[in-house]
């Protein structure tokens, strides 16, 4: 098999160069003389992540498609720690990216299953206040281009960066409680009525009132309640700008369009 370099990184002070090769080995080279200093083994699949410690030139992190995350001492050519990204019921998750925090005490990784992995010193109570699943309700909404080739949200006809802050939902699109909605930048000081409750009540076809997740309710035009609230917030924002004598940024292009569910 022809050997190929899959990733290259320098240590923090450029004294050494680390290369990842498609035979799953990492090689440490003297950057001045080109001398091979160490061959590091441990990975079982190709490595596309090499990250140097922010100030300790001895430490380098590597991660790859085998789900392994290694912390190396490249001075000694030894392994300091190893983490395996095992996902219950799904096998391992390939690691796509890693970054150290500026203080070098933590690092974060992302994997092929959409997880954010946080490693470091101390306890994890700080992170327990956030839900395990976090998506914006607009994450997978379609975009269109107007006559000037500008990008617009298909449903609201607004430029995405001018829309009100989105709502936090779980993987099924169900809104999180109000305490989580305030974690979204721009919603920190919103009133409770401007935030989505976890559950609502709706009358079914038999005249009974049943409990239902708000994100799953629709109105007569098959528009989700979430999108209706976003549209109402946008209208209030536009009215406020008009009352303050400002012109609306990038007014939407007039066109007939059908409203799809969120």
Foldseek 3Di string as FASTA:
>chain_A
DDKDWQDKDAAQVRQWIWTWIQVRWIWIAGRPPRDTDEIAHDDDGGWNEWEHQLPDRQWIWTFFQQQKIWIGRNVVNDTDDIDGQQDPPPGGWGWDYKYADNVRFKMWTATPVGAIDIDGDDDCPVVPVEDRFWDFLCPPFDWDADPVRQIAGQALLHRVVPFQFTFIDGPVQFGDAPVNRLVTPRNVPPDNVLHAHRWDWDQDPVRDIDIDGQQPDADPLQEGPRVVSSNVVVVVVCVVCVVVVHDDPPDGDDDDDRHHYD
